């Protein structure tokens, strides 16, 4: 099955679909100059396969490519993702 990542600005989230199934979402709240990542969710049967990490990487690449906004990780998963990817700390709000 094909995996597809998307940015859904109207829903204020990033999403990962595998086939027609919504597998993972990362919700955010945009603020002036910043994007607050507030919640990450993976369907229970799909957990433990790296889907959330892949989705957060997609989201960070998207933010970095289209804006100068900084990221504020509120969600513990996103906090942990940045701890494991110190090379991306340039995206964090200082």
PDB file of N, CA and C in Angstrom:
ATOM      1  N   UNK A   1       0.832  -1.184   0.000  1.00  0.00           N
ATOM      2  CA  UNK A   1       0.000   0.000   0.000  1.00  0.00           C
ATOM      3  C   UNK A   1       0.872   1.242   0.000  1.00  0.00           C
ATOM      4  N   UNK A   2       0.363   2.277  -0.604  1.00  0.00           N
ATOM      5  CA  UNK A   2       1.101   3.511  -0.742  1.00  0.00           C
ATOM      6  C   UNK A   2       0.888   4.424   0.456  1.00  0.00           C
ATOM      7  N   UNK A   3       1.981   4.976   0.978  1.00  0.00           N
ATOM      8  CA  UNK A   3       1.920   5.971   2.042  1.00  0.00           C
ATOM      9  C   UNK A   3       1.909   7.349   1.421  1.00  0.00           C
ATOM     10  N   UNK A   4       1.086   8.237   1.972  1.00  0.00           N
ATOM     11  CA  UNK A   4       1.090   9.615   1.482  1.00  0.00           C
ATOM     12  C   UNK A   4       0.982  10.579   2.657  1.00  0.00           C
ATOM     13  N   UNK A   5       1.881  11.562   2.637  1.00  0.00           N
ATOM     14  CA  UNK A   5       1.906  12.616   3.638  1.00  0.00           C
ATOM     15  C   UNK A   5       1.199  13.828   3.061  1.00  0.00           C
ATOM     16  N   UNK A   6       0.541  14.593   3.941  1.00  0.00           N
ATOM     17  CA  UNK A   6      -0.109  15.815   3.469  1.00  0.00           C
ATOM     18  C   UNK A   6      -0.137  16.854   4.576  1.00  0.00           C
ATOM     19  N   UNK A   7      -0.189  18.095   4.130  1.00  0.00           N
ATOM     20  CA  UNK A   7      -0.427  19.221   5.027  1.00  0.00           C
ATOM     21  C   UNK A   7      -1.868  19.634   4.787  1.00  0.00           C
ATOM     22  N   UNK A   8      -2.662  19.688   5.845  1.00  0.00           N
ATOM     23  CA  UNK A   8      -4.068  20.045   5.755  1.00  0.00           C
ATOM     24  C   UNK A   8      -4.285  21.333   6.550  1.00  0.00           C
ATOM     25  N   UNK A   9      -3.961  22.486   5.943  1.00  0.00           N
ATOM     26  CA  UNK A   9      -4.012  23.743   6.691  1.00  0.00           C
ATOM     27  C   UNK A   9      -5.396  24.096   7.224  1.00  0.00           C
ATOM     28  N   UNK A  10      -6.456  23.731   6.518  1.00  0.00           N
ATOM     29  CA  UNK A  10      -7.800  24.034   7.023  1.00  0.00           C
ATOM     30  C   UNK A  10      -8.083  23.284   8.321  1.00  0.00           C
ATOM     31  N   UNK A  11      -7.538  22.092   8.458  1.00  0.00           N
ATOM     32  CA  UNK A  11      -7.707  21.298   9.674  1.00  0.00           C
ATOM     33  C   UNK A  11      -6.591  21.561  10.686  1.00  0.00           C
ATOM     34  N   UNK A  12      -5.598  22.354  10.281  1.00  0.00           N
ATOM     35  CA  UNK A  12      -4.423  22.661  11.113  1.00  0.00           C
ATOM     36  C   UNK A  12      -3.740  21.380  11.573  1.00  0.00           C
ATOM     37  N   UNK A  13      -3.391  20.564  10.575  1.00  0.00           N
ATOM     38  CA  UNK A  13      -2.708  19.324  10.897  1.00  0.00           C
ATOM     39  C   UNK A  13      -1.914  18.823   9.697  1.00  0.00           C
ATOM     40  N   UNK A  14      -0.989  17.935  10.018  1.00  0.00           N
ATOM     41  CA  UNK A  14      -0.291  17.132   9.024  1.00  0.00           C
ATOM     42  C   UNK A  14      -0.848  15.723   9.169  1.00  0.00           C
ATOM     43  N   UNK A  15      -0.911  14.994   8.068  1.00  0.00           N
ATOM     44  CA  UNK A  15      -1.523  13.669   8.107  1.00  0.00           C
ATOM     45  C   UNK A  15      -0.713  12.672   7.295  1.00  0.00           C
ATOM     46  N   UNK A  16      -0.810  11.414   7.712  1.00  0.00           N
ATOM     47  CA  UNK A  16      -0.220  10.297   6.989  1.00  0.00           C
ATOM     48  C   UNK A  16      -1.332   9.299   6.714  1.00  0.00           C
ATOM     49  N   UNK A  17      -1.496   8.999   5.448  1.00  0.00           N
ATOM     50  CA  UNK A  17      -2.441   7.969   5.017  1.00  0.00           C
ATOM     51  C   UNK A  17      -1.654   6.796   4.447  1.00  0.00           C
ATOM     52  N   UNK A  18      -2.120   5.604   4.734  1.00  0.00           N
ATOM     53  CA  UNK A  18      -1.603   4.404   4.075  1.00  0.00           C
ATOM     54  C   UNK A  18      -2.798   3.820   3.347  1.00  0.00           C
ATOM     55  N   UNK A  19      -2.716   3.852   2.025  1.00  0.00           N
ATOM     56  CA  UNK A  19      -3.898   3.528   1.230  1.00  0.00           C
ATOM     57  C   UNK A  19      -4.966   4.560   1.543  1.00  0.00           C
ATOM     58  N   UNK A  20      -6.147   4.133   1.874  1.00  0.00           N
ATOM     59  CA  UNK A  20      -7.238   5.037   2.230  1.00  0.00           C
ATOM     60  C   UNK A  20      -7.363   5.262   3.734  1.00  0.00           C
ATOM     61  N   UNK A  21      -6.479   4.649   4.510  1.00  0.00           N
ATOM     62  CA  UNK A  21      -6.565   4.724   5.971  1.00  0.00           C
ATOM     63  C   UNK A  21      -5.764   5.905   6.516  1.00  0.00           C
ATOM     64  N   UNK A  22      -6.402   6.729   7.337  1.00  0.00           N
ATOM     65  CA  UNK A  22      -5.704   7.782   8.067  1.00  0.00           C
ATOM     66  C   UNK A  22      -4.998   7.116   9.234  1.00  0.00           C
ATOM     67  N   UNK A  23      -3.669   7.141   9.211  1.00  0.00           N
ATOM     68  CA  UNK A  23      -2.866   6.406  10.178  1.00  0.00           C
ATOM     69  C   UNK A  23      -2.348   7.304  11.295  1.00  0.00           C
ATOM     70  N   UNK A  24      -1.988   8.524  10.953  1.00  0.00           N
ATOM     71  CA  UNK A  24      -1.317   9.385  11.924  1.00  0.00           C
ATOM     72  C   UNK A  24      -1.614  10.849  11.610  1.00  0.00           C
ATOM     73  N   UNK A  25      -1.772  11.661  12.673  1.00  0.00           N
ATOM     74  CA  UNK A  25      -1.945  13.099  12.501  1.00  0.00           C
ATOM     75  C   UNK A  25      -1.061  13.831  13.499  1.00  0.00           C
ATOM     76  N   UNK A  26      -0.666  15.025  13.121  1.00  0.00           N
ATOM     77  CA  UNK A  26       0.056  15.941  14.003  1.00  0.00           C
ATOM     78  C   UNK A  26      -0.673  17.275  13.930  1.00  0.00           C
ATOM     79  N   UNK A  27      -1.341  17.618  15.017  1.00  0.00           N
ATOM     80  CA  UNK A  27      -2.103  18.868  15.084  1.00  0.00           C
ATOM     81  C   UNK A  27      -1.193  20.015  15.478  1.00  0.00           C
ATOM     82  N   UNK A  28      -1.496  21.187  14.948  1.00  0.00           N
ATOM     83  CA  UNK A  28      -0.707  22.366  15.294  1.00  0.00           C
ATOM     84  C   UNK A  28      -1.602  23.581  15.422  1.00  0.00           C
ATOM     85  N   UNK A  29      -1.043  24.594  16.048  1.00  0.00           N
ATOM     86  CA  UNK A  29      -1.718  25.875  16.208  1.00  0.00           C
ATOM     87  C   UNK A  29      -0.787  26.956  15.692  1.00  0.00           C
ATOM     88  N   UNK A  30      -1.159  27.614  14.598  1.00  0.00           N
ATOM     89  CA  UNK A  30      -0.289  28.671  14.070  1.00  0.00           C
ATOM     90  C   UNK A  30      -0.435  29.946  14.892  1.00  0.00           C
ATOM     91  N   UNK A  31       0.683  30.589  15.128  1.00  0.00           N
ATOM     92  CA  UNK A  31       0.722  31.882  15.807  1.00  0.00           C
ATOM     93  C   UNK A  31       1.663  32.764  15.005  1.00  0.00           C
ATOM     94  N   UNK A  32       1.616  34.060  15.214  1.00  0.00           N
ATOM     95  CA  UNK A  32       2.543  34.925  14.471  1.00  0.00           C
ATOM     96  C   UNK A  32       4.003  34.511  14.712  1.00  0.00           C
ATOM     97  N   UNK A  33       4.658  34.083  13.647  1.00  0.00           N
ATOM     98  CA  UNK A  33       6.067  33.708  13.709  1.00  0.00           C
ATOM     99  C   UNK A  33       6.357  32.341  14.298  1.00  0.00           C
ATOM    100  N   UNK A  34       5.309  31.592  14.646  1.00  0.00           N
ATOM    101  CA  UNK A  34       5.547  30.297  15.294  1.00  0.00           C
ATOM    102  C   UNK A  34       4.446  29.294  14.940  1.00  0.00           C
ATOM    103  N   UNK A  35       4.807  28.026  15.025  1.00  0.00           N
ATOM    104  CA  UNK A  35       3.858  26.931  14.840  1.00  0.00           C
ATOM    105  C   UNK A  35       3.964  26.051  16.087  1.00  0.00           C
ATOM    106  N   UNK A  36       2.892  25.992  16.844  1.00  0.00           N
ATOM    107  CA  UNK A  36       2.842  25.191  18.066  1.00  0.00           C
ATOM    108  C   UNK A  36       2.304  23.805  17.728  1.00  0.00           C
ATOM    109  N   UNK A  37       3.119  22.768  17.901  1.00  0.00           N
ATOM    110  CA  UNK A  37       2.657  21.395  17.690  1.00  0.00           C
ATOM    111  C   UNK A  37       2.064  20.901  18.997  1.00  0.00           C
ATOM    112  N   UNK A  38       0.750  20.654  18.973  1.00  0.00           N
ATOM    113  CA  UNK A  38       0.007  20.409  20.201  1.00  0.00           C
ATOM    114  C   UNK A  38      -0.355  18.945  20.454  1.00  0.00           C
ATOM    115  N   UNK A  39      -0.405  18.134  19.412  1.00  0.00           N
ATOM    116  CA  UNK A  39      -0.863  16.756  19.610  1.00  0.00           C
ATOM    117  C   UNK A  39      -0.444  15.895  18.428  1.00  0.00           C
ATOM    118  N   UNK A  40       0.023  14.700  18.728  1.00  0.00           N
ATOM    119  CA  UNK A  40       0.336  13.712  17.698  1.00  0.00           C
ATOM    120  C   UNK A  40      -0.427  12.439  18.048  1.00  0.00           C
ATOM    121  N   UNK A  41      -1.070  11.863  17.051  1.00  0.00           N
ATOM    122  CA  UNK A  41      -1.860  10.650  17.284  1.00  0.00           C
ATOM    123  C   UNK A  41      -1.610   9.651  16.168  1.00  0.00           C
ATOM    124  N   UNK A  42      -1.405   8.395  16.560  1.00  0.00           N
ATOM    125  CA  UNK A  42      -1.288   7.283  15.617  1.00  0.00           C
ATOM    126  C   UNK A  42      -2.346   6.248  15.982  1.00  0.00           C
ATOM    127  N   UNK A  43      -3.024   5.731  14.984  1.00  0.00           N
ATOM    128  CA  UNK A  43      -3.999   4.676  15.198  1.00  0.00           C
ATOM    129  C   UNK A  43      -3.334   3.553  15.995  1.00  0.00           C
ATOM    130  N   UNK A  44      -3.964   3.086  17.070  1.00  0.00           N
ATOM    131  CA  UNK A  44      -3.316   2.085  17.935  1.00  0.00           C
ATOM    132  C   UNK A  44      -2.742   0.873  17.206  1.00  0.00           C
ATOM    133  N   UNK A  45      -3.443   0.351  16.234  1.00  0.00           N
ATOM    134  CA  UNK A  45      -2.941  -0.843  15.532  1.00  0.00           C
ATOM    135  C   UNK A  45      -1.715  -0.546  14.670  1.00  0.00           C
ATOM    136  N   UNK A  46      -1.419   0.729  14.446  1.00  0.00           N
ATOM    137  CA  UNK A  46      -0.275   1.116  13.606  1.00  0.00           C
ATOM    138  C   UNK A  46       0.899   1.666  14.416  1.00  0.00           C
ATOM    139  N   UNK A  47       0.773   1.718  15.736  1.00  0.00           N
ATOM    140  CA  UNK A  47       1.834   2.269  16.586  1.00  0.00           C
ATOM    141  C   UNK A  47       3.066   1.379  16.577  1.00  0.00           C
ATOM    142  N   UNK A  48       4.222   2.009  16.830  1.00  0.00           N
ATOM    143  CA  UNK A  48       5.475   1.266  16.923  1.00  0.00           C
ATOM    144  C   UNK A  48       6.144   0.991  15.600  1.00  0.00           C
ATOM    145  N   UNK A  49       5.666   1.622  14.538  1.00  0.00           N
ATOM    146  CA  UNK A  49       6.240   1.409  13.209  1.00  0.00           C
ATOM    147  C   UNK A  49       6.934   2.638  12.636  1.00  0.00           C
ATOM    148  N   UNK A  50       7.110   3.667  13.453  1.00  0.00           N
ATOM    149  CA  UNK A  50       7.817   4.864  13.003  1.00  0.00           C
ATOM    150  C   UNK A  50       6.970   5.853  12.213  1.00  0.00           C
ATOM    151  N   UNK A  51       5.660   5.634  12.175  1.00  0.00           N
ATOM    152  CA  UNK A  51       4.809   6.522  11.383  1.00  0.00           C
ATOM    153  C   UNK A  51       4.798   7.953  11.918  1.00  0.00           C
ATOM    154  N   UNK A  52       4.686   8.108  13.227  1.00  0.00           N
ATOM    155  CA  UNK A  52       4.637   9.458  13.809  1.00  0.00           C
ATOM    156  C   UNK A  52       5.960  10.190  13.570  1.00  0.00           C
ATOM    157  N   UNK A  53       7.072   9.502  13.737  1.00  0.00           N
ATOM    158  CA  UNK A  53       8.374  10.127  13.497  1.00  0.00           C
ATOM    159  C   UNK A  53       8.513  10.568  12.049  1.00  0.00           C
ATOM    160  N   UNK A  54       8.070   9.728  11.133  1.00  0.00           N
ATOM    161  CA  UNK A  54       8.125  10.087   9.717  1.00  0.00           C
ATOM    162  C   UNK A  54       7.228  11.283   9.423  1.00  0.00           C
ATOM    163  N   UNK A  55       6.061  11.335  10.059  1.00  0.00           N
ATOM    164  CA  UNK A  55       5.150  12.453   9.851  1.00  0.00           C
ATOM    165  C   UNK A  55       5.736  13.750  10.398  1.00  0.00           C
ATOM    166  N   UNK A  56       6.351  13.700  11.565  1.00  0.00           N
ATOM    167  CA  UNK A  56       6.962  14.910  12.131  1.00  0.00           C
ATOM    168  C   UNK A  56       8.118  15.370  11.258  1.00  0.00           C
ATOM    169  N   UNK A  57       8.895  14.454  10.741  1.00  0.00           N
ATOM    170  CA  UNK A  57       9.981  14.848   9.827  1.00  0.00           C
ATOM    171  C   UNK A  57       9.406  15.538   8.584  1.00  0.00           C
ATOM    172  N   UNK A  58       8.342  14.990   8.033  1.00  0.00           N
ATOM    173  CA  UNK A  58       7.684  15.618   6.885  1.00  0.00           C
ATOM    174  C   UNK A  58       7.218  17.029   7.247  1.00  0.00           C
ATOM    175  N   UNK A  59       6.597  17.168   8.404  1.00  0.00           N
ATOM    176  CA  UNK A  59       6.093  18.478   8.844  1.00  0.00           C
ATOM    177  C   UNK A  59       7.238  19.478   9.012  1.00  0.00           C
ATOM    178  N   UNK A  60       8.337  19.055   9.620  1.00  0.00           N
ATOM    179  CA  UNK A  60       9.469  19.972   9.833  1.00  0.00           C
ATOM    180  C   UNK A  60      10.087  20.375   8.494  1.00  0.00           C
ATOM    181  N   UNK A  61      10.189  19.432   7.567  1.00  0.00           N
ATOM    182  CA  UNK A  61      10.711  19.764   6.236  1.00  0.00           C
ATOM    183  C   UNK A  61       9.797  20.761   5.532  1.00  0.00           C
ATOM    184  N   UNK A  62       8.491  20.566   5.671  1.00  0.00           N
ATOM    185  CA  UNK A  62       7.534  21.476   5.052  1.00  0.00           C
ATOM    186  C   UNK A  62       7.635  22.874   5.640  1.00  0.00           C
ATOM    187  N   UNK A  63       7.662  22.963   6.954  1.00  0.00           N
ATOM    188  CA  UNK A  63       7.765  24.269   7.606  1.00  0.00           C
ATOM    189  C   UNK A  63       9.055  24.964   7.194  1.00  0.00           C
ATOM    190  N   UNK A  64      10.141  24.237   7.212  1.00  0.00           N
ATOM    191  CA  UNK A  64      11.445  24.816   6.864  1.00  0.00           C
ATOM    192  C   UNK A  64      11.474  25.301   5.416  1.00  0.00           C
ATOM    193  N   UNK A  65      10.775  24.598   4.522  1.00  0.00           N
ATOM    194  CA  UNK A  65      10.831  24.955   3.104  1.00  0.00           C
ATOM    195  C   UNK A  65       9.905  26.111   2.728  1.00  0.00           C
ATOM    196  N   UNK A  66       8.867  26.367   3.500  1.00  0.00           N
ATOM    197  CA  UNK A  66       7.894  27.361   3.066  1.00  0.00           C
ATOM    198  C   UNK A  66       7.744  28.579   3.965  1.00  0.00           C
ATOM    199  N   UNK A  67       8.442  28.613   5.117  1.00  0.00           N
ATOM    200  CA  UNK A  67       8.256  29.722   6.035  1.00  0.00           C
ATOM    201  C   UNK A  67       9.491  29.927   6.907  1.00  0.00           C
ATOM    202  N   UNK A  68       9.553  31.064   7.545  1.00  0.00           N
ATOM    203  CA  UNK A  68      10.601  31.330   8.533  1.00  0.00           C
ATOM    204  C   UNK A  68      10.080  31.125   9.950  1.00  0.00           C
ATOM    205  N   UNK A  69       8.849  30.641  10.083  1.00  0.00           N
ATOM    206  CA  UNK A  69       8.270  30.417  11.406  1.00  0.00           C
ATOM    207  C   UNK A  69       9.112  29.430  12.193  1.00  0.00           C
ATOM    208  N   UNK A  70       9.103  29.601  13.492  1.00  0.00           N
ATOM    209  CA  UNK A  70       9.791  28.698  14.401  1.00  0.00           C
ATOM    210  C   UNK A  70       8.780  27.720  14.980  1.00  0.00           C
ATOM    211  N   UNK A  71       9.272  26.585  15.426  1.00  0.00           N
ATOM    212  CA  UNK A  71       8.428  25.520  15.964  1.00  0.00           C
ATOM    213  C   UNK A  71       8.476  25.553  17.491  1.00  0.00           C
ATOM    214  N   UNK A  72       7.306  25.417  18.091  1.00  0.00           N
ATOM    215  CA  UNK A  72       7.197  25.288  19.544  1.00  0.00           C
ATOM    216  C   UNK A  72       6.584  23.909  19.813  1.00  0.00           C
ATOM    217  N   UNK A  73       7.392  22.960  20.286  1.00  0.00           N
ATOM    218  CA  UNK A  73       6.864  21.620  20.541  1.00  0.00           C
ATOM    219  C   UNK A  73       6.163  21.568  21.899  1.00  0.00           C
ATOM    220  N   UNK A  74       4.855  21.464  21.873  1.00  0.00           N
ATOM    221  CA  UNK A  74       4.056  21.321  23.087  1.00  0.00           C
ATOM    222  C   UNK A  74       3.799  19.836  23.350  1.00  0.00           C
ATOM    223  N   UNK A  75       3.540  19.108  22.304  1.00  0.00           N
ATOM    224  CA  UNK A  75       3.293  17.666  22.368  1.00  0.00           C
ATOM    225  C   UNK A  75       4.581  16.946  22.783  1.00  0.00           C
ATOM    226  N   UNK A  76       4.467  16.015  23.729  1.00  0.00           N
ATOM    227  CA  UNK A  76       5.660  15.316  24.219  1.00  0.00           C
ATOM    228  C   UNK A  76       6.351  14.510  23.113  1.00  0.00           C
ATOM    229  N   UNK A  77       5.586  13.986  22.156  1.00  0.00           N
ATOM    230  CA  UNK A  77       6.216  13.239  21.073  1.00  0.00           C
ATOM    231  C   UNK A  77       7.121  14.149  20.253  1.00  0.00           C
ATOM    232  N   UNK A  78       6.674  15.361  19.974  1.00  0.00           N
ATOM    233  CA  UNK A  78       7.473  16.307  19.190  1.00  0.00           C
ATOM    234  C   UNK A  78       8.691  16.770  19.997  1.00  0.00           C
ATOM    235  N   UNK A  79       8.519  16.972  21.295  1.00  0.00           N
ATOM    236  CA  UNK A  79       9.660  17.294  22.163  1.00  0.00           C
ATOM    237  C   UNK A  79      10.708  16.193  22.053  1.00  0.00           C
ATOM    238  N   UNK A  80      10.266  14.946  22.182  1.00  0.00           N
ATOM    239  CA  UNK A  80      11.191  13.808  22.096  1.00  0.00           C
ATOM    240  C   UNK A  80      11.814  13.689  20.704  1.00  0.00           C
ATOM    241  N   UNK A  81      11.039  13.998  19.655  1.00  0.00           N
ATOM    242  CA  UNK A  81      11.576  13.934  18.301  1.00  0.00           C
ATOM    243  C   UNK A  81      12.742  14.916  18.154  1.00  0.00           C
ATOM    244  N   UNK A  82      12.574  16.131  18.660  1.00  0.00           N
ATOM    245  CA  UNK A  82      13.665  17.104  18.581  1.00  0.00           C
ATOM    246  C   UNK A  82      14.867  16.679  19.416  1.00  0.00           C
ATOM    247  N   UNK A  83      14.628  16.035  20.552  1.00  0.00           N
ATOM    248  CA  UNK A  83      15.743  15.543  21.367  1.00  0.00           C
ATOM    249  C   UNK A  83      16.567  14.519  20.591  1.00  0.00           C
ATOM    250  N   UNK A  84      15.911  13.742  19.761  1.00  0.00           N
ATOM    251  CA  UNK A  84      16.604  12.749  18.945  1.00  0.00           C
ATOM    252  C   UNK A  84      17.137  13.285  17.635  1.00  0.00           C
ATOM    253  N   UNK A  85      16.822  14.532  17.316  1.00  0.00           N
ATOM    254  CA  UNK A  85      17.274  15.168  16.069  1.00  0.00           C
ATOM    255  C   UNK A  85      17.849  16.550  16.364  1.00  0.00           C
ATOM    256  N   UNK A  86      18.950  16.598  17.110  1.00  0.00           N
ATOM    257  CA  UNK A  86      19.527  17.899  17.476  1.00  0.00           C
ATOM    258  C   UNK A  86      19.961  18.733  16.269  1.00  0.00           C
ATOM    259  N   UNK A  87      20.184  18.080  15.139  1.00  0.00           N
ATOM    260  CA  UNK A  87      20.556  18.821  13.930  1.00  0.00           C
ATOM    261  C   UNK A  87      19.412  19.689  13.416  1.00  0.00           C
ATOM    262  N   UNK A  88      18.210  19.489  13.918  1.00  0.00           N
ATOM    263  CA  UNK A  88      17.043  20.284  13.480  1.00  0.00           C
ATOM    264  C   UNK A  88      16.687  21.386  14.472  1.00  0.00           C
ATOM    265  N   UNK A  89      17.513  21.585  15.518  1.00  0.00           N
ATOM    266  CA  UNK A  89      17.176  22.564  16.546  1.00  0.00           C
ATOM    267  C   UNK A  89      17.075  23.985  16.022  1.00  0.00           C
ATOM    268  N   UNK A  90      17.592  24.231  14.820  1.00  0.00           N
ATOM    269  CA  UNK A  90      17.469  25.551  14.209  1.00  0.00           C
ATOM    270  C   UNK A  90      16.003  25.921  13.963  1.00  0.00           C
ATOM    271  N   UNK A  91      15.117  24.938  13.951  1.00  0.00           N
ATOM    272  CA  UNK A  91      13.688  25.202  13.733  1.00  0.00           C
ATOM    273  C   UNK A  91      12.956  25.620  15.002  1.00  0.00           C
ATOM    274  N   UNK A  92      13.598  25.406  16.147  1.00  0.00           N
ATOM    275  CA  UNK A  92      12.927  25.678  17.407  1.00  0.00           C
ATOM    276  C   UNK A  92      12.873  27.166  17.723  1.00  0.00           C
ATOM    277  N   UNK A  93      11.779  27.550  18.375  1.00  0.00           N
ATOM    278  CA  UNK A  93      11.619  28.914  18.848  1.00  0.00           C
ATOM    279  C   UNK A  93      12.580  29.135  20.001  1.00  0.00           C
ATOM    280  N   UNK A  94      13.328  30.182  19.933  1.00  0.00           N
ATOM    281  CA  UNK A  94      14.301  30.440  20.995  1.00  0.00           C
ATOM    282  C   UNK A  94      13.767  31.433  21.984  1.00  0.00           C
TER     283      UNK A  94
END
